[in-house]
Protein backbone atom coordinates (compact mmCIF):
# COMPACT_ATOMS: atom_id res chain seq x y z
CA MET A 1 42.27 38.96 -26.25
CA THR A 2 39.66 40.04 -23.35
CA LEU A 3 36.25 38.99 -23.01
CA ARG A 4 33.83 41.16 -21.53
CA LYS A 5 30.69 41.30 -19.27
CA GLU A 6 28.00 42.17 -21.23
CA GLN A 7 29.81 39.72 -24.00
CA TYR A 8 29.28 36.87 -21.50
CA GLU A 9 26.02 37.91 -20.58
CA ALA A 10 24.54 38.23 -24.21
CA LEU A 11 25.87 34.65 -24.72
CA ARG A 12 24.30 33.76 -21.34
CA ASP A 13 20.76 35.01 -22.86
CA TRP A 14 21.22 33.36 -26.18
CA PHE A 15 22.36 29.85 -24.25
CA ASP A 16 18.81 30.15 -22.07
CA GLY A 17 16.62 30.90 -25.14
CA TYR A 18 18.26 27.40 -26.74
CA VAL A 19 17.59 25.59 -24.06
CA GLU A 20 13.94 26.83 -23.58
CA SER A 21 13.33 25.57 -27.12
CA PHE A 22 13.70 21.97 -26.16
CA ARG A 23 11.94 22.50 -23.04
CA GLY A 24 8.39 22.50 -24.90
CA ILE A 25 9.03 18.58 -25.77
CA PRO A 26 7.73 16.34 -22.55
CA ALA A 27 9.45 13.54 -23.07
CA LEU A 28 13.25 15.45 -23.20
CA GLY A 29 12.42 17.11 -19.75
CA PRO A 30 14.67 15.30 -17.17
CA TRP A 31 17.25 15.21 -19.72
CA VAL A 32 17.43 19.05 -20.37
CA GLU A 33 17.02 19.86 -16.84
CA LEU A 34 19.99 17.40 -16.21
CA LYS A 35 22.26 19.27 -18.83
CA GLU A 36 21.27 22.64 -18.06
CA CYS A 37 22.04 22.14 -14.43
CA HIS A 38 25.21 20.65 -15.18
CA THR A 39 26.08 23.47 -17.16
CA ARG A 40 25.60 26.22 -14.65
CA ARG A 41 27.42 23.76 -11.84
CA VAL A 42 30.40 23.45 -14.55
CA THR A 43 30.28 27.05 -14.94
CA GLY A 44 30.67 27.82 -11.59
CA ILE A 45 33.32 25.53 -10.56
CA ILE A 46 35.40 26.64 -13.72
CA VAL A 47 35.68 30.10 -11.88
CA ARG A 48 36.14 28.99 -9.15
CA ILE A 49 39.36 27.26 -10.79
CA GLY A 50 40.15 30.04 -12.46
CA SER A 51 40.20 32.36 -9.35
CA SER A 52 42.17 29.93 -7.95
CA LEU A 53 44.81 30.54 -10.24
CA GLY A 54 44.54 34.28 -9.94
CA LEU A 55 43.18 34.58 -13.55
CA PRO A 56 42.10 38.32 -14.45
CA GLU A 57 38.29 39.45 -14.89
CA GLU A 58 38.14 38.56 -18.29
CA ASP A 59 39.57 35.80 -18.61
CA LEU A 60 37.19 34.51 -16.16
CA PHE A 61 34.26 35.61 -18.04
CA LEU A 62 35.88 33.52 -21.39
CA ALA A 63 36.36 30.42 -18.82
CA ARG A 64 32.48 30.97 -17.89
CA THR A 65 31.85 31.18 -21.53
CA ILE A 66 33.33 28.45 -22.33
CA ALA A 67 31.79 26.28 -19.44
CA LEU A 68 28.32 27.60 -20.42
CA LEU A 69 28.72 26.41 -24.13
CA HIS A 70 30.80 23.21 -23.80
CA ASP A 71 27.68 20.59 -23.92
CA VAL A 72 25.27 22.95 -26.27
CA GLY A 73 25.12 19.70 -28.54
CA ARG A 74 23.91 17.56 -25.65
CA PHE A 75 20.20 18.94 -26.63
CA ARG A 76 20.48 18.52 -30.11
CA GLN A 77 21.43 15.06 -29.36
CA ILE A 78 19.11 13.87 -26.83
CA GLN A 79 16.27 15.30 -29.31
CA ARG A 80 18.01 13.50 -32.23
CA TYR A 81 18.70 10.06 -30.94
CA GLY A 82 17.23 9.94 -27.60
CA THR A 83 20.42 9.33 -25.34
CA PHE A 84 23.75 11.12 -24.58
CA ASN A 85 25.78 8.48 -25.50
CA ASP A 86 28.31 9.46 -28.38
CA ARG A 87 29.08 5.76 -29.71
CA ARG A 88 25.05 5.29 -30.01
CA SER A 89 24.73 8.67 -31.47
CA GLU A 90 26.97 11.51 -32.47
CA ASN A 91 30.21 13.39 -31.06
CA HIS A 92 28.01 16.03 -28.89
CA ALA A 93 31.66 18.58 -28.87
CA LEU A 94 31.46 18.27 -32.98
CA SER A 95 27.81 18.92 -32.58
CA GLY A 96 27.90 21.79 -30.36
CA VAL A 97 30.57 23.32 -32.73
CA ALA A 98 28.17 23.23 -35.59
CA VAL A 99 25.19 24.52 -33.64
CA LEU A 100 27.31 27.80 -32.53
CA ARG A 101 28.27 28.13 -35.65
CA GLN A 102 24.74 27.67 -37.57
CA ALA A 103 23.30 29.95 -34.88
CA GLY A 104 25.87 32.21 -35.39
CA ALA A 105 26.09 32.44 -31.45
CA LEU A 106 30.03 33.89 -31.26
CA ASP A 107 29.27 36.44 -33.98
CA GLY A 108 30.03 39.26 -31.25
CA LEU A 109 33.36 37.74 -30.03
CA ALA A 110 36.39 38.94 -31.51
CA ALA A 111 37.84 36.50 -34.47
CA GLY A 112 40.70 35.15 -31.69
CA GLU A 113 38.30 34.62 -29.12
CA ALA A 114 35.66 32.86 -31.01
CA GLY A 115 37.75 30.63 -32.17
CA LEU A 116 39.62 29.81 -28.90
CA VAL A 117 36.15 28.85 -27.54
CA LEU A 118 35.05 26.43 -31.01
CA ARG A 119 38.42 24.69 -30.36
CA ALA A 120 37.66 24.47 -26.89
CA VAL A 121 34.19 23.11 -27.03
CA GLU A 122 35.60 21.12 -29.63
CA ARG A 123 37.98 19.05 -27.39
CA HIS A 124 36.69 19.12 -24.04
CA ASN A 125 35.55 15.30 -24.42
CA LEU A 126 38.54 14.22 -25.71
CA ARG A 127 40.18 11.69 -23.37
CA GLU A 128 43.69 13.36 -23.87
CA LEU A 129 44.09 16.58 -24.92
CA PRO A 130 46.49 16.68 -27.64
CA PRO A 131 50.05 19.14 -27.48
CA ASP A 132 49.12 22.52 -28.39
CA PRO A 133 51.74 25.55 -29.07
CA ASP A 134 49.00 27.67 -28.00
CA PRO A 135 49.42 27.70 -24.29
CA ARG A 136 46.66 30.00 -23.54
CA PHE A 137 44.27 27.67 -25.49
CA SER A 138 45.69 24.93 -23.28
CA LEU A 139 44.92 26.48 -19.88
CA PHE A 140 41.27 27.39 -21.13
CA ALA A 141 41.06 23.49 -22.85
CA ARG A 142 42.02 21.80 -19.65
CA LEU A 143 40.21 24.65 -17.11
CA VAL A 144 36.91 23.18 -18.70
CA GLN A 145 37.66 19.51 -18.95
CA ASP A 146 38.61 19.60 -15.25
CA ALA A 147 35.33 21.45 -14.53
CA ASP A 148 32.89 19.31 -16.41
CA LYS A 149 35.00 16.04 -15.22
CA LEU A 150 34.68 17.40 -11.67
CA ASP A 151 30.97 17.58 -11.75
CA ILE A 152 30.17 14.40 -13.85
CA LEU A 153 32.11 12.59 -10.78
CA ASP A 154 29.44 14.56 -8.66
CA MET A 155 26.74 13.45 -10.03
CA PHE A 156 27.49 9.36 -10.45
CA THR A 157 28.72 9.88 -6.90
CA ARG A 158 25.45 11.16 -5.79
CA TYR A 159 23.21 8.54 -8.18
CA TYR A 160 25.62 5.62 -6.82
CA GLY A 161 25.33 6.62 -3.32
CA GLY A 162 21.45 6.88 -3.63
CA GLU A 163 21.55 10.60 -2.96
CA ASP A 164 19.30 11.63 -6.23
CA ALA A 165 17.81 8.35 -7.30
CA GLY A 166 15.87 10.26 -9.91
CA LEU A 167 18.82 10.43 -12.17
CA GLY A 168 18.34 6.54 -12.56
CA GLY A 169 16.80 6.89 -16.41
CA VAL A 170 19.22 9.91 -17.14
CA LEU A 171 22.73 8.42 -16.02
CA ASP A 172 22.02 5.00 -17.77
CA VAL A 173 25.08 3.69 -18.98
CA HIS A 174 23.53 -0.03 -20.58
CA LEU A 175 25.59 -1.90 -18.28
CA PRO A 176 24.50 -4.86 -15.97
CA ASP A 177 24.07 -3.55 -12.23
CA THR A 178 26.36 -6.49 -10.72
CA PRO A 179 29.03 -6.52 -8.16
CA GLY A 180 32.55 -6.41 -8.48
CA MET A 181 34.54 -3.52 -10.24
CA SER A 182 36.05 -3.22 -13.54
CA ALA A 183 39.41 -4.42 -13.21
CA ALA A 184 41.06 -2.45 -15.87
CA LEU A 185 39.90 0.40 -14.48
CA VAL A 186 40.91 0.05 -11.13
CA GLU A 187 44.64 -0.55 -12.50
CA ASP A 188 44.95 2.69 -14.62
CA VAL A 189 43.36 4.14 -11.21
CA LEU A 190 46.64 2.75 -8.97
CA GLN A 191 49.10 3.30 -11.88
CA GLY A 192 47.44 6.91 -12.00
CA LYS A 193 46.64 6.61 -15.62
CA LEU A 194 43.93 7.93 -17.28
CA GLY A 195 40.79 5.66 -17.32
CA ASN A 196 38.97 4.15 -20.79
CA TYR A 197 35.28 4.03 -20.82
CA SER A 198 35.36 0.87 -23.06
CA ASP A 199 37.10 -0.90 -20.44
CA LEU A 200 33.87 -0.39 -18.43
CA THR A 201 32.01 -3.53 -17.40
CA SER A 202 29.63 -3.40 -14.95
CA SER A 203 27.36 -0.32 -13.71
CA HIS A 204 29.41 -0.42 -10.60
CA GLY A 205 32.45 -0.24 -12.40
């Protein structure tokens, strides 16, 4: 199961056109820009990680495809609900799968490739990936999760470090800006565990 350069480029053209359809809505401008730029960075990050693992070129194109499409549901989400908060709207990963299916965006891929991409998009926002009998799928699912979270961490670090104050309205977590840290999250970090958004009690948490 491989993915060729021309297949990736066709999907990139589709993605560009899809994003462009939201750009004409002035109120969505900052949010569309944020997610488009995030997607470009995640695509670059996943290639760097995959290259460091020695993945062949065809697998790197498959990884890039998953990264390119992982947040495609975000654009419909912000248009419909005015937020990127899944708990206040809908699961953007499942929405992304619906968008891809409805548009027939993956029709040019072999069934196995299309299925892997859809499953990776569907699961990329899970707190923990469930065990999967397919080691190949598990590899790509972990790749997109890691690339996604690395860029999200960088975005929030720049914002809270005062380097990108313009992201304030877009990265709003709807929590008070108070001193201190969320104790449960600190404890999870100290124990090497995954944190939980439900334990976040402050925008400085």
